[in-house]
Amino acid sequence: MMTRKSAIRRRWMWAIALVVATSLLFVVFKNVDWTRVWLEVRRVQPLWLLAAVALNFAILLLWSLQWRVFLPRARRIKYSRMFETVAFMSTVTNSVPYMMGQASGVLLLAKRG
């Protein structure tokens, strides 16, 4: 059960995270040549872009299925829970040094599965 103090603390943490994320986005995008971006976006072929997004998403779907297959039959978890775990693991894998994403996935399966 969440106490009033912990709820307030949690709200402050989210507010700080939002300010930091917004500041980082500002720093990243402040020097972008938006005219050139718009010209490049107009040249994009929508079907290829859609295919790329769909196939990238399919990787997560298949990876979730693969991890479910590897689990012992006595320890099955819902596909949606596995998908959440794999999506988080993918994010971590692309953000931190080698094998940390996989380790985070195993930890999440141990805690949430």
N, C-alpha and C. Protein backbone atom coordinates (compact mmCIF):
# COMPACT_ATOMS: atom_id res chain seq x y z
N MET A 1 0.85 -1.18 0.00
CA MET A 1 0.00 0.00 0.00
C MET A 1 0.90 1.25 0.00
N MET A 2 0.54 2.19 -0.81
CA MET A 2 1.34 3.40 -0.95
C MET A 2 0.88 4.46 0.04
N THR A 3 1.83 4.97 0.81
CA THR A 3 1.51 6.03 1.76
C THR A 3 1.46 7.37 1.03
N ARG A 4 0.94 8.35 1.71
CA ARG A 4 0.84 9.68 1.11
C ARG A 4 2.23 10.24 0.79
N LYS A 5 3.18 10.01 1.69
CA LYS A 5 4.53 10.50 1.49
C LYS A 5 5.17 9.86 0.25
N SER A 6 5.00 8.56 0.12
CA SER A 6 5.61 7.88 -1.03
C SER A 6 4.92 8.28 -2.33
N ALA A 7 3.62 8.59 -2.29
CA ALA A 7 2.92 9.05 -3.48
C ALA A 7 3.43 10.42 -3.92
N ILE A 8 3.65 11.30 -2.97
CA ILE A 8 4.19 12.62 -3.29
C ILE A 8 5.61 12.50 -3.82
N ARG A 9 6.39 11.65 -3.19
CA ARG A 9 7.76 11.43 -3.65
C ARG A 9 7.77 10.90 -5.08
N ARG A 10 6.88 9.98 -5.35
CA ARG A 10 6.80 9.40 -6.70
C ARG A 10 6.42 10.46 -7.73
N ARG A 11 5.49 11.33 -7.38
CA ARG A 11 5.10 12.41 -8.30
C ARG A 11 6.28 13.34 -8.58
N TRP A 12 7.04 13.66 -7.53
CA TRP A 12 8.21 14.52 -7.72
C TRP A 12 9.24 13.85 -8.63
N MET A 13 9.45 12.55 -8.45
CA MET A 13 10.41 11.82 -9.29
C MET A 13 9.97 11.86 -10.76
N TRP A 14 8.68 11.68 -11.01
CA TRP A 14 8.17 11.75 -12.38
C TRP A 14 8.34 13.16 -12.94
N ALA A 15 8.08 14.17 -12.13
CA ALA A 15 8.23 15.56 -12.58
C ALA A 15 9.68 15.86 -12.93
N ILE A 16 10.60 15.41 -12.09
CA ILE A 16 12.02 15.62 -12.36
C ILE A 16 12.44 14.88 -13.63
N ALA A 17 11.97 13.64 -13.78
CA ALA A 17 12.29 12.86 -14.98
C ALA A 17 11.77 13.56 -16.24
N LEU A 18 10.57 14.14 -16.15
CA LEU A 18 9.99 14.84 -17.29
C LEU A 18 10.82 16.08 -17.65
N VAL A 19 11.25 16.82 -16.65
CA VAL A 19 12.08 18.01 -16.89
C VAL A 19 13.42 17.61 -17.52
N VAL A 20 14.04 16.57 -17.01
CA VAL A 20 15.32 16.11 -17.56
C VAL A 20 15.14 15.64 -19.00
N ALA A 21 14.11 14.83 -19.25
CA ALA A 21 13.87 14.33 -20.61
C ALA A 21 13.58 15.47 -21.58
N THR A 22 12.80 16.43 -21.16
CA THR A 22 12.48 17.58 -22.01
C THR A 22 13.74 18.40 -22.30
N SER A 23 14.56 18.59 -21.29
CA SER A 23 15.82 19.33 -21.47
C SER A 23 16.74 18.61 -22.46
N LEU A 24 16.83 17.30 -22.33
CA LEU A 24 17.67 16.53 -23.25
C LEU A 24 17.15 16.62 -24.69
N LEU A 25 15.84 16.54 -24.85
CA LEU A 25 15.26 16.69 -26.19
C LEU A 25 15.57 18.06 -26.78
N PHE A 26 15.49 19.09 -25.96
CA PHE A 26 15.80 20.44 -26.43
C PHE A 26 17.25 20.52 -26.90
N VAL A 27 18.17 19.97 -26.10
CA VAL A 27 19.59 20.01 -26.45
C VAL A 27 19.83 19.25 -27.76
N VAL A 28 19.19 18.11 -27.91
CA VAL A 28 19.40 17.29 -29.10
C VAL A 28 18.85 17.97 -30.36
N PHE A 29 17.68 18.58 -30.25
CA PHE A 29 17.02 19.09 -31.44
C PHE A 29 17.26 20.57 -31.74
N LYS A 30 17.97 21.28 -30.88
CA LYS A 30 18.10 22.73 -31.10
C LYS A 30 18.93 23.08 -32.33
N ASN A 31 19.85 22.23 -32.74
CA ASN A 31 20.71 22.53 -33.89
C ASN A 31 20.31 21.79 -35.16
N VAL A 32 19.12 21.23 -35.18
CA VAL A 32 18.66 20.48 -36.36
C VAL A 32 18.24 21.46 -37.45
N ASP A 33 18.65 21.16 -38.66
CA ASP A 33 18.23 21.94 -39.83
C ASP A 33 16.86 21.42 -40.27
N TRP A 34 15.80 22.05 -39.79
CA TRP A 34 14.44 21.55 -40.01
C TRP A 34 14.02 21.66 -41.47
N THR A 35 14.58 22.57 -42.22
CA THR A 35 14.27 22.66 -43.64
C THR A 35 14.75 21.40 -44.36
N ARG A 36 15.96 20.99 -44.04
CA ARG A 36 16.51 19.78 -44.66
C ARG A 36 15.72 18.55 -44.21
N VAL A 37 15.35 18.50 -42.95
CA VAL A 37 14.55 17.37 -42.44
C VAL A 37 13.26 17.27 -43.24
N TRP A 38 12.57 18.39 -43.42
CA TRP A 38 11.30 18.39 -44.16
C TRP A 38 11.51 17.93 -45.60
N LEU A 39 12.58 18.37 -46.24
CA LEU A 39 12.87 17.93 -47.61
C LEU A 39 13.10 16.42 -47.66
N GLU A 40 13.81 15.87 -46.69
CA GLU A 40 14.06 14.43 -46.67
C GLU A 40 12.78 13.64 -46.37
N VAL A 41 11.96 14.16 -45.49
CA VAL A 41 10.70 13.48 -45.16
C VAL A 41 9.79 13.42 -46.38
N ARG A 42 9.80 14.47 -47.17
CA ARG A 42 8.95 14.49 -48.38
C ARG A 42 9.41 13.47 -49.41
N ARG A 43 10.68 13.07 -49.37
CA ARG A 43 11.21 12.09 -50.31
C ARG A 43 10.95 10.65 -49.88
N VAL A 44 10.56 10.45 -48.64
CA VAL A 44 10.36 9.09 -48.12
C VAL A 44 9.19 8.42 -48.83
N GLN A 45 9.38 7.15 -49.16
CA GLN A 45 8.28 6.38 -49.73
C GLN A 45 7.53 5.70 -48.58
N PRO A 46 6.27 6.04 -48.39
CA PRO A 46 5.52 5.59 -47.22
C PRO A 46 5.45 4.07 -47.07
N LEU A 47 5.33 3.34 -48.17
CA LEU A 47 5.23 1.89 -48.04
C LEU A 47 6.51 1.27 -47.48
N TRP A 48 7.67 1.78 -47.89
CA TRP A 48 8.92 1.28 -47.36
C TRP A 48 9.06 1.63 -45.87
N LEU A 49 8.64 2.82 -45.52
CA LEU A 49 8.69 3.23 -44.12
C LEU A 49 7.77 2.36 -43.27
N LEU A 50 6.56 2.12 -43.76
CA LEU A 50 5.61 1.27 -43.05
C LEU A 50 6.14 -0.16 -42.92
N ALA A 51 6.74 -0.67 -44.00
CA ALA A 51 7.32 -2.02 -43.97
C ALA A 51 8.43 -2.10 -42.93
N ALA A 52 9.28 -1.08 -42.87
CA ALA A 52 10.39 -1.07 -41.91
C ALA A 52 9.87 -1.06 -40.48
N VAL A 53 8.87 -0.25 -40.19
CA VAL A 53 8.31 -0.18 -38.84
C VAL A 53 7.65 -1.51 -38.47
N ALA A 54 6.88 -2.08 -39.41
CA ALA A 54 6.19 -3.34 -39.14
C ALA A 54 7.18 -4.48 -38.90
N LEU A 55 8.22 -4.55 -39.71
CA LEU A 55 9.21 -5.62 -39.53
C LEU A 55 10.02 -5.43 -38.25
N ASN A 56 10.30 -4.19 -37.89
CA ASN A 56 10.98 -3.94 -36.62
C ASN A 56 10.12 -4.39 -35.45
N PHE A 57 8.82 -4.12 -35.53
CA PHE A 57 7.89 -4.55 -34.48
C PHE A 57 7.79 -6.07 -34.45
N ALA A 58 7.85 -6.70 -35.62
CA ALA A 58 7.78 -8.16 -35.70
C ALA A 58 8.94 -8.81 -34.95
N ILE A 59 10.08 -8.14 -34.92
CA ILE A 59 11.22 -8.68 -34.18
C ILE A 59 10.84 -8.88 -32.71
N LEU A 60 10.17 -7.88 -32.13
CA LEU A 60 9.77 -7.99 -30.73
C LEU A 60 8.74 -9.10 -30.53
N LEU A 61 7.81 -9.22 -31.48
CA LEU A 61 6.80 -10.28 -31.37
C LEU A 61 7.44 -11.66 -31.41
N LEU A 62 8.37 -11.86 -32.35
CA LEU A 62 9.03 -13.16 -32.47
C LEU A 62 9.98 -13.43 -31.31
N TRP A 63 10.64 -12.40 -30.84
CA TRP A 63 11.53 -12.55 -29.70
C TRP A 63 10.75 -12.95 -28.45
N SER A 64 9.56 -12.38 -28.28
CA SER A 64 8.70 -12.75 -27.15
C SER A 64 8.30 -14.21 -27.25
N LEU A 65 7.95 -14.64 -28.44
CA LEU A 65 7.59 -16.03 -28.66
C LEU A 65 8.77 -16.95 -28.36
N GLN A 66 9.95 -16.57 -28.80
CA GLN A 66 11.15 -17.37 -28.56
C GLN A 66 11.41 -17.54 -27.06
N TRP A 67 11.31 -16.45 -26.31
CA TRP A 67 11.55 -16.54 -24.87
C TRP A 67 10.49 -17.41 -24.19
N ARG A 68 9.26 -17.36 -24.67
CA ARG A 68 8.22 -18.21 -24.09
C ARG A 68 8.52 -19.68 -24.36
N VAL A 69 9.05 -19.98 -25.56
CA VAL A 69 9.39 -21.36 -25.90
C VAL A 69 10.51 -21.87 -24.99
N PHE A 70 11.44 -21.00 -24.64
CA PHE A 70 12.57 -21.41 -23.81
C PHE A 70 12.20 -21.65 -22.35
N LEU A 71 11.08 -21.10 -21.91
CA LEU A 71 10.67 -21.29 -20.52
C LEU A 71 10.22 -22.72 -20.28
N PRO A 72 10.47 -23.25 -19.09
CA PRO A 72 9.93 -24.58 -18.77
C PRO A 72 8.41 -24.57 -18.81
N ARG A 73 7.82 -25.69 -19.19
CA ARG A 73 6.34 -25.76 -19.29
C ARG A 73 5.66 -25.43 -17.96
N ALA A 74 6.28 -25.76 -16.87
CA ALA A 74 5.69 -25.48 -15.55
C ALA A 74 5.75 -24.00 -15.19
N ARG A 75 6.51 -23.22 -15.92
CA ARG A 75 6.69 -21.80 -15.61
C ARG A 75 6.17 -20.88 -16.70
N ARG A 76 5.12 -21.26 -17.38
CA ARG A 76 4.57 -20.43 -18.46
C ARG A 76 4.02 -19.12 -17.90
N ILE A 77 4.22 -18.05 -18.68
CA ILE A 77 3.61 -16.77 -18.33
C ILE A 77 2.84 -16.28 -19.55
N LYS A 78 1.96 -15.30 -19.33
CA LYS A 78 1.16 -14.78 -20.44
C LYS A 78 2.04 -14.13 -21.49
N TYR A 79 1.60 -14.22 -22.75
CA TYR A 79 2.36 -13.63 -23.85
C TYR A 79 2.50 -12.13 -23.67
N SER A 80 1.45 -11.47 -23.19
CA SER A 80 1.51 -10.01 -23.02
C SER A 80 2.58 -9.63 -21.99
N ARG A 81 2.71 -10.40 -20.93
CA ARG A 81 3.73 -10.15 -19.92
C ARG A 81 5.12 -10.37 -20.51
N MET A 82 5.25 -11.41 -21.33
CA MET A 82 6.53 -11.68 -21.98
C MET A 82 6.88 -10.57 -22.96
N PHE A 83 5.87 -10.07 -23.69
CA PHE A 83 6.12 -8.98 -24.63
C PHE A 83 6.62 -7.73 -23.91
N GLU A 84 6.01 -7.39 -22.78
CA GLU A 84 6.47 -6.24 -21.98
C GLU A 84 7.92 -6.42 -21.57
N THR A 85 8.25 -7.62 -21.12
CA THR A 85 9.62 -7.91 -20.68
C THR A 85 10.60 -7.77 -21.83
N VAL A 86 10.25 -8.33 -22.99
CA VAL A 86 11.14 -8.28 -24.15
C VAL A 86 11.28 -6.84 -24.67
N ALA A 87 10.21 -6.07 -24.66
CA ALA A 87 10.29 -4.69 -25.11
C ALA A 87 11.22 -3.89 -24.20
N PHE A 88 11.11 -4.08 -22.90
CA PHE A 88 12.01 -3.41 -21.97
C PHE A 88 13.44 -3.88 -22.17
N MET A 89 13.61 -5.18 -22.34
CA MET A 89 14.94 -5.75 -22.53
C MET A 89 15.58 -5.19 -23.80
N SER A 90 14.80 -5.04 -24.84
CA SER A 90 15.31 -4.47 -26.09
C SER A 90 15.77 -3.04 -25.89
N THR A 91 15.00 -2.27 -25.14
CA THR A 91 15.38 -0.89 -24.86
C THR A 91 16.69 -0.83 -24.09
N VAL A 92 16.82 -1.66 -23.08
CA VAL A 92 18.05 -1.68 -22.28
C VAL A 92 19.22 -2.15 -23.13
N THR A 93 19.00 -3.18 -23.94
CA THR A 93 20.07 -3.72 -24.79
C THR A 93 20.63 -2.65 -25.72
N ASN A 94 19.78 -1.77 -26.20
CA ASN A 94 20.22 -0.72 -27.12
C ASN A 94 20.75 0.52 -26.40
N SER A 95 20.76 0.50 -25.08
CA SER A 95 21.15 1.69 -24.33
C SER A 95 22.39 1.51 -23.47
N VAL A 96 22.72 0.30 -23.11
CA VAL A 96 23.82 0.06 -22.16
C VAL A 96 24.79 -0.97 -22.72
N PRO A 97 25.90 -1.20 -22.01
CA PRO A 97 26.90 -2.15 -22.50
C PRO A 97 26.37 -3.58 -22.70
N TYR A 98 27.16 -4.35 -23.40
CA TYR A 98 26.85 -5.72 -23.81
C TYR A 98 26.34 -6.58 -22.66
N MET A 99 25.32 -7.35 -22.92
CA MET A 99 24.69 -8.35 -22.05
C MET A 99 23.86 -7.76 -20.91
N MET A 100 23.84 -6.47 -20.73
CA MET A 100 23.02 -5.90 -19.65
C MET A 100 21.53 -6.03 -19.98
N GLY A 101 21.18 -5.93 -21.26
CA GLY A 101 19.78 -6.08 -21.64
C GLY A 101 19.27 -7.47 -21.35
N GLN A 102 20.05 -8.48 -21.71
CA GLN A 102 19.65 -9.85 -21.45
C GLN A 102 19.56 -10.10 -19.94
N ALA A 103 20.51 -9.56 -19.20
CA ALA A 103 20.48 -9.72 -17.74
C ALA A 103 19.23 -9.06 -17.16
N SER A 104 18.87 -7.89 -17.68
CA SER A 104 17.66 -7.23 -17.18
C SER A 104 16.42 -8.04 -17.52
N GLY A 105 16.42 -8.69 -18.70
CA GLY A 105 15.29 -9.54 -19.07
C GLY A 105 15.14 -10.72 -18.14
N VAL A 106 16.24 -11.37 -17.80
CA VAL A 106 16.20 -12.50 -16.87
C VAL A 106 15.72 -12.03 -15.50
N LEU A 107 16.21 -10.88 -15.07
CA LEU A 107 15.78 -10.34 -13.77
C LEU A 107 14.27 -10.04 -13.79
N LEU A 108 13.78 -9.43 -14.87
CA LEU A 108 12.35 -9.14 -14.96
C LEU A 108 11.52 -10.41 -14.96
N LEU A 109 11.99 -11.44 -15.67
CA LEU A 109 11.26 -12.71 -15.67
C LEU A 109 11.22 -13.33 -14.28
N ALA A 110 12.33 -13.21 -13.57
CA ALA A 110 12.38 -13.76 -12.21
C ALA A 110 11.43 -13.02 -11.28
N LYS A 111 11.35 -11.69 -11.43
CA LYS A 111 10.51 -10.89 -10.54
C LYS A 111 9.04 -10.87 -10.95
N ARG A 112 8.79 -10.71 -12.26
CA ARG A 112 7.41 -10.53 -12.72
C ARG A 112 6.77 -11.81 -13.25
N GLY A 113 7.59 -12.74 -13.69
CA GLY A 113 7.06 -13.97 -14.28
C GLY A 113 6.68 -14.95 -13.22
